[in-house]
C-alpha atoms as a PDB file:
ATOM      1  CA  UNK A   1       0.075  -0.026   0.029  1.00  0.00           C
ATOM      2  CA  UNK A   2       1.185   3.531  -0.805  1.00  0.00           C
ATOM      3  CA  UNK A   3       1.969   5.938   1.663  1.00  0.00           C
ATOM      4  CA  UNK A   4      -1.007   8.317   0.315  1.00  0.00           C
ATOM      5  CA  UNK A   5      -3.283   6.006  -1.354  1.00  0.00           C
ATOM      6  CA  UNK A   6      -6.250   7.448  -3.535  1.00  0.00           C
ATOM      7  CA  UNK A   7      -9.638   6.769  -1.791  1.00  0.00           C
ATOM      8  CA  UNK A   8     -13.040   7.680  -2.826  1.00  0.00           C
ATOM      9  CA  UNK A   9     -15.821   8.026   0.134  1.00  0.00           C
ATOM     10  CA  UNK A  10     -19.314   7.705  -0.906  1.00  0.00           C
ATOM     11  CA  UNK A  11     -22.354   8.596   1.262  1.00  0.00           C
ATOM     12  CA  UNK A  12     -25.598   9.838   0.773  1.00  0.00           C
ATOM     13  CA  UNK A  13     -27.086  13.421   1.550  1.00  0.00           C
ATOM     14  CA  UNK A  14     -29.892  14.054   3.925  1.00  0.00           C
ATOM     15  CA  UNK A  15     -33.341  13.404   2.764  1.00  0.00           C
ATOM     16  CA  UNK A  16     -36.917  13.290   4.233  1.00  0.00           C
ATOM     17  CA  UNK A  17     -38.876  10.193   3.766  1.00  0.00           C
ATOM     18  CA  UNK A  18     -42.074  12.210   4.017  1.00  0.00           C
ATOM     19  CA  UNK A  19     -41.340  14.524   1.379  1.00  0.00           C
ATOM     20  CA  UNK A  20     -42.623  14.631  -2.115  1.00  0.00           C
ATOM     21  CA  UNK A  21     -38.947  13.978  -3.392  1.00  0.00           C
ATOM     22  CA  UNK A  22     -38.091  10.733  -4.452  1.00  0.00           C
ATOM     23  CA  UNK A  23     -34.469  10.993  -5.077  1.00  0.00           C
ATOM     24  CA  UNK A  24     -31.351  12.101  -3.083  1.00  0.00           C
ATOM     25  CA  UNK A  25     -27.835  12.924  -3.740  1.00  0.00           C
ATOM     26  CA  UNK A  26     -24.798  10.373  -3.771  1.00  0.00           C
ATOM     27  CA  UNK A  27     -21.761  12.099  -2.854  1.00  0.00           C
ATOM     28  CA  UNK A  28     -18.262  11.066  -3.807  1.00  0.00           C
ATOM     29  CA  UNK A  29     -15.136  12.592  -2.150  1.00  0.00           C
ATOM     30  CA  UNK A  30     -11.545  11.828  -3.631  1.00  0.00           C
ATOM     31  CA  UNK A  31      -8.780  11.849  -1.354  1.00  0.00           C
ATOM     32  CA  UNK A  32      -5.021  11.276  -1.610  1.00  0.00           C
ATOM     33  CA  UNK A  33      -3.998  10.283   1.775  1.00  0.00           C
ATOM     34  CA  UNK A  34      -6.180  12.681   3.895  1.00  0.00           C
ATOM     35  CA  UNK A  35      -6.159  15.649   1.251  1.00  0.00           C
ATOM     36  CA  UNK A  36      -9.496  16.096  -0.587  1.00  0.00           C
ATOM     37  CA  UNK A  37      -8.628  16.219  -4.502  1.00  0.00           C
ATOM     38  CA  UNK A  38     -12.254  15.932  -6.002  1.00  0.00           C
ATOM     39  CA  UNK A  39     -15.848  16.147  -5.295  1.00  0.00           C
ATOM     40  CA  UNK A  40     -18.262  14.145  -7.694  1.00  0.00           C
ATOM     41  CA  UNK A  41     -22.150  13.402  -7.018  1.00  0.00           C
ATOM     42  CA  UNK A  42     -25.039  11.485  -8.761  1.00  0.00           C
ATOM     43  CA  UNK A  43     -28.640  11.072  -7.725  1.00  0.00           C
ATOM     44  CA  UNK A  44     -30.351   7.936  -6.228  1.00  0.00           C
ATOM     45  CA  UNK A  45     -33.902   6.720  -5.721  1.00  0.00           C
ATOM     46  CA  UNK A  46     -35.137   6.952  -2.132  1.00  0.00           C
ATOM     47  CA  UNK A  47     -35.556   3.265  -0.886  1.00  0.00           C
ATOM     48  CA  UNK A  48     -34.807   2.305  -4.479  1.00  0.00           C
ATOM     49  CA  UNK A  49     -32.581  -0.321  -6.287  1.00  0.00           C
ATOM     50  CA  UNK A  50     -30.145   1.834  -8.254  1.00  0.00           C
ATOM     51  CA  UNK A  51     -27.328   2.613  -5.443  1.00  0.00           C
ATOM     52  CA  UNK A  52     -24.950  -0.385  -6.582  1.00  0.00           C
ATOM     53  CA  UNK A  53     -24.981   0.857 -10.349  1.00  0.00           C
ATOM     54  CA  UNK A  54     -24.510   4.636  -9.307  1.00  0.00           C
ATOM     55  CA  UNK A  55     -21.662   3.947  -7.212  1.00  0.00           C
ATOM     56  CA  UNK A  56     -19.919   1.983  -9.944  1.00  0.00           C
ATOM     57  CA  UNK A  57     -20.679   5.135 -12.243  1.00  0.00           C
ATOM     58  CA  UNK A  58     -19.008   7.191  -9.853  1.00  0.00           C
ATOM     59  CA  UNK A  59     -15.983   5.195  -9.482  1.00  0.00           C
ATOM     60  CA  UNK A  60     -15.641   4.792 -12.982  1.00  0.00           C
ATOM     61  CA  UNK A  61     -15.513   8.362 -13.532  1.00  0.00           C
ATOM     62  CA  UNK A  62     -12.251   8.404 -11.525  1.00  0.00           C
ATOM     63  CA  UNK A  63     -11.029   5.102 -12.069  1.00  0.00           C
ATOM     64  CA  UNK A  64      -7.885   6.225 -13.360  1.00  0.00           C
ATOM     65  CA  UNK A  65      -6.948   7.496  -9.786  1.00  0.00           C
ATOM     66  CA  UNK A  66      -9.090   5.663  -7.383  1.00  0.00           C
ATOM     67  CA  UNK A  67      -7.409   2.623  -5.583  1.00  0.00           C
ATOM     68  CA  UNK A  68      -9.940   2.052  -2.630  1.00  0.00           C
ATOM     69  CA  UNK A  69     -13.743   2.404  -2.314  1.00  0.00           C
ATOM     70  CA  UNK A  70     -15.126   3.501   0.885  1.00  0.00           C
ATOM     71  CA  UNK A  71     -19.039   3.740   1.706  1.00  0.00           C
ATOM     72  CA  UNK A  72     -20.510   4.874   4.815  1.00  0.00           C
ATOM     73  CA  UNK A  73     -22.684   1.613   5.325  1.00  0.00           C
ATOM     74  CA  UNK A  74     -24.405  -0.586   2.634  1.00  0.00           C
ATOM     75  CA  UNK A  75     -27.812   1.457   2.674  1.00  0.00           C
ATOM     76  CA  UNK A  76     -28.322   4.471   0.998  1.00  0.00           C
ATOM     77  CA  UNK A  77     -31.504   6.822   0.504  1.00  0.00           C
ATOM     78  CA  UNK A  78     -33.274   4.753   3.324  1.00  0.00           C
ATOM     79  CA  UNK A  79     -33.246   1.311   2.107  1.00  0.00           C
ATOM     80  CA  UNK A  80     -31.191   1.567  -1.327  1.00  0.00           C
ATOM     81  CA  UNK A  81     -29.206  -1.346  -0.273  1.00  0.00           C
ATOM     82  CA  UNK A  82     -25.879  -1.828  -2.238  1.00  0.00           C
ATOM     83  CA  UNK A  83     -24.386  -5.156  -3.413  1.00  0.00           C
ATOM     84  CA  UNK A  84     -20.625  -4.905  -2.402  1.00  0.00           C
ATOM     85  CA  UNK A  85     -19.636  -7.947  -4.324  1.00  0.00           C
ATOM     86  CA  UNK A  86     -20.985  -6.592  -7.530  1.00  0.00           C
ATOM     87  CA  UNK A  87     -19.425  -3.272  -7.295  1.00  0.00           C
ATOM     88  CA  UNK A  88     -16.075  -5.031  -6.376  1.00  0.00           C
ATOM     89  CA  UNK A  89     -16.310  -7.100  -9.479  1.00  0.00           C
ATOM     90  CA  UNK A  90     -17.149  -4.366 -11.791  1.00  0.00           C
ATOM     91  CA  UNK A  91     -14.613  -1.577 -10.693  1.00  0.00           C
ATOM     92  CA  UNK A  92     -11.799  -4.317  -9.492  1.00  0.00           C
ATOM     93  CA  UNK A  93     -11.039  -1.996  -6.390  1.00  0.00           C
ATOM     94  CA  UNK A  94     -11.144  -3.028  -2.876  1.00  0.00           C
ATOM     95  CA  UNK A  95     -14.070  -1.969  -0.961  1.00  0.00           C
ATOM     96  CA  UNK A  96     -14.701  -1.393   2.640  1.00  0.00           C
ATOM     97  CA  UNK A  97     -18.507  -0.395   3.802  1.00  0.00           C
ATOM     98  CA  UNK A  98     -18.302   1.229   7.060  1.00  0.00           C
ATOM     99  CA  UNK A  99     -20.641   1.225   9.944  1.00  0.00           C
ATOM    100  CA  UNK A 100     -20.959   3.236  12.943  1.00  0.00           C
ATOM    101  CA  UNK A 101     -22.245   0.452  15.273  1.00  0.00           C
ATOM    102  CA  UNK A 102     -23.087  -3.206  14.974  1.00  0.00           C
ATOM    103  CA  UNK A 103     -26.036  -4.111  12.892  1.00  0.00           C
ATOM    104  CA  UNK A 104     -29.118  -5.726  14.351  1.00  0.00           C
ATOM    105  CA  UNK A 105     -29.763  -8.040  11.608  1.00  0.00           C
ATOM    106  CA  UNK A 106     -33.359  -9.220  12.740  1.00  0.00           C
ATOM    107  CA  UNK A 107     -34.618  -5.568  13.413  1.00  0.00           C
ATOM    108  CA  UNK A 108     -33.458  -4.749   9.665  1.00  0.00           C
ATOM    109  CA  UNK A 109     -34.861  -7.935   8.188  1.00  0.00           C
ATOM    110  CA  UNK A 110     -38.152  -6.966  10.084  1.00  0.00           C
ATOM    111  CA  UNK A 111     -38.283  -3.365   8.879  1.00  0.00           C
ATOM    112  CA  UNK A 112     -37.657  -4.617   5.364  1.00  0.00           C
ATOM    113  CA  UNK A 113     -40.341  -7.340   5.198  1.00  0.00           C
ATOM    114  CA  UNK A 114     -42.743  -4.548   6.581  1.00  0.00           C
ATOM    115  CA  UNK A 115     -41.706  -1.944   3.949  1.00  0.00           C
ATOM    116  CA  UNK A 116     -41.081  -4.240   0.942  1.00  0.00           C
ATOM    117  CA  UNK A 117     -43.331  -7.313   1.327  1.00  0.00           C
ATOM    118  CA  UNK A 118     -42.655  -8.298  -2.525  1.00  0.00           C
ATOM    119  CA  UNK A 119     -39.202  -7.310  -2.523  1.00  0.00           C
ATOM    120  CA  UNK A 120     -37.353  -7.670   0.552  1.00  0.00           C
ATOM    121  CA  UNK A 121     -35.573 -10.930  -0.202  1.00  0.00           C
ATOM    122  CA  UNK A 122     -33.110  -9.200  -2.688  1.00  0.00           C
ATOM    123  CA  UNK A 123     -32.495  -6.401  -0.223  1.00  0.00           C
ATOM    124  CA  UNK A 124     -31.939  -8.962   2.527  1.00  0.00           C
ATOM    125  CA  UNK A 125     -29.365 -11.054   0.380  1.00  0.00           C
ATOM    126  CA  UNK A 126     -27.284  -8.006  -0.219  1.00  0.00           C
ATOM    127  CA  UNK A 127     -27.077  -7.539   3.404  1.00  0.00           C
ATOM    128  CA  UNK A 128     -26.208 -10.944   3.978  1.00  0.00           C
ATOM    129  CA  UNK A 129     -23.686 -10.851   0.875  1.00  0.00           C
ATOM    130  CA  UNK A 130     -21.885  -8.135   2.419  1.00  0.00           C
ATOM    131  CA  UNK A 131     -20.179 -10.664   4.630  1.00  0.00           C
ATOM    132  CA  UNK A 132     -18.504 -10.460   8.000  1.00  0.00           C
ATOM    133  CA  UNK A 133     -19.034  -7.045   9.997  1.00  0.00           C
ATOM    134  CA  UNK A 134     -15.368  -6.581  11.430  1.00  0.00           C
ATOM    135  CA  UNK A 135     -14.451  -4.243  14.148  1.00  0.00           C
ATOM    136  CA  UNK A 136     -11.441  -2.178  14.514  1.00  0.00           C
ATOM    137  CA  UNK A 137     -10.242   0.582  16.997  1.00  0.00           C
ATOM    138  CA  UNK A 138      -9.046   3.839  15.509  1.00  0.00           C
ATOM    139  CA  UNK A 139      -6.954   6.543  17.566  1.00  0.00           C
ATOM    140  CA  UNK A 140      -8.325   9.926  16.340  1.00  0.00           C
ATOM    141  CA  UNK A 141      -8.178  13.660  17.655  1.00  0.00           C
ATOM    142  CA  UNK A 142     -10.784  12.731  20.022  1.00  0.00           C
ATOM    143  CA  UNK A 143      -9.524   9.328  21.506  1.00  0.00           C
ATOM    144  CA  UNK A 144     -10.164   5.681  20.573  1.00  0.00           C
ATOM    145  CA  UNK A 145     -13.136   4.885  18.940  1.00  0.00           C
ATOM    146  CA  UNK A 146     -14.714   1.499  17.682  1.00  0.00           C
ATOM    147  CA  UNK A 147     -15.534   1.284  13.806  1.00  0.00           C
ATOM    148  CA  UNK A 148     -17.277  -1.528  12.248  1.00  0.00           C
ATOM    149  CA  UNK A 149     -17.028  -2.444   8.592  1.00  0.00           C
ATOM    150  CA  UNK A 150     -17.569  -5.098   5.660  1.00  0.00           C
ATOM    151  CA  UNK A 151     -14.656  -6.084   3.219  1.00  0.00           C
ATOM    152  CA  UNK A 152     -14.219  -6.999  -0.440  1.00  0.00           C
ATOM    153  CA  UNK A 153     -11.118  -7.528  -2.296  1.00  0.00           C
ATOM    154  CA  UNK A 154      -8.740  -6.674   0.827  1.00  0.00           C
ATOM    155  CA  UNK A 155      -7.445  -8.545   3.750  1.00  0.00           C
ATOM    156  CA  UNK A 156      -8.227  -7.345   7.166  1.00  0.00           C
ATOM    157  CA  UNK A 157      -4.764  -6.588   8.041  1.00  0.00           C
ATOM    158  CA  UNK A 158      -4.351  -4.280   5.049  1.00  0.00           C
ATOM    159  CA  UNK A 159      -7.730  -2.861   5.677  1.00  0.00           C
ATOM    160  CA  UNK A 160      -6.913  -2.138   9.322  1.00  0.00           C
ATOM    161  CA  UNK A 161      -3.594  -0.330   8.318  1.00  0.00           C
ATOM    162  CA  UNK A 162      -5.337   1.800   5.596  1.00  0.00           C
ATOM    163  CA  UNK A 163      -8.562   3.096   7.874  1.00  0.00           C
ATOM    164  CA  UNK A 164      -5.884   3.991  10.729  1.00  0.00           C
ATOM    165  CA  UNK A 165      -3.709   6.022   8.161  1.00  0.00           C
ATOM    166  CA  UNK A 166      -6.714   7.549   6.575  1.00  0.00           C
ATOM    167  CA  UNK A 167      -8.530   8.660   9.648  1.00  0.00           C
ATOM    168  CA  UNK A 168      -7.566  11.865  11.593  1.00  0.00           C
ATOM    169  CA  UNK A 169     -10.603  13.758  12.855  1.00  0.00           C
ATOM    170  CA  UNK A 170     -13.167  10.941  13.302  1.00  0.00           C
ATOM    171  CA  UNK A 171     -13.412   7.133  13.443  1.00  0.00           C
ATOM    172  CA  UNK A 172     -14.301   7.413   9.374  1.00  0.00           C
ATOM    173  CA  UNK A 173     -11.719   7.901   7.302  1.00  0.00           C
ATOM    174  CA  UNK A 174     -11.353  11.366   5.707  1.00  0.00           C
ATOM    175  CA  UNK A 175     -12.885  10.876   2.456  1.00  0.00           C
ATOM    176  CA  UNK A 176     -16.159   9.512   4.057  1.00  0.00           C
ATOM    177  CA  UNK A 177     -16.147  12.353   6.878  1.00  0.00           C
ATOM    178  CA  UNK A 178     -16.117  14.952   4.266  1.00  0.00           C
ATOM    179  CA  UNK A 179     -18.697  13.244   2.001  1.00  0.00           C
ATOM    180  CA  UNK A 180     -21.102  13.159   5.047  1.00  0.00           C
ATOM    181  CA  UNK A 181     -20.224  16.850   5.869  1.00  0.00           C
ATOM    182  CA  UNK A 182     -21.041  17.787   2.214  1.00  0.00           C
ATOM    183  CA  UNK A 183     -24.034  15.740   1.980  1.00  0.00           C
ATOM    184  CA  UNK A 184     -25.530  17.767   4.900  1.00  0.00           C
ATOM    185  CA  UNK A 185     -25.743  20.631   2.391  1.00  0.00           C
ATOM    186  CA  UNK A 186     -28.143  19.210   0.075  1.00  0.00           C
END
């Protein structure tokens, strides 16, 4: 791994499920090391099924540079759940999907069944296909924090090193922290 790897951090913008708007922004922030070098965005359907393809598009727009893909969870715009394996296979870049906390799978499954009585199986399959939820402790400016994540195309030891080298102000890597902040503006 290079000293200053180029990463893209992807997060959704804020949205209101009770609004008439049926889409939200998906923000991609590209960093070299911890320095932001570009911002890109696209639109996804709230509670839709297009976040996987939209993430692939964002990465492909910057594929000459991007070495690693980071996402803030595997759910965007409500329950627009991504297929990490498909993203990895399409862009051929290691991907790490971060969670702030452990996920209670039974609660998520029940919510999906209730909200999508005819389409919940594919969404649950994406969650299960994400694989193990790993945990790491990150030293940041605010102290030691736990972070949870799924992996595709990268070993746990390399992922831990990458996470620690790209996280300074929060337990999330800088590209994700910035994508989250930018997403609050929309």
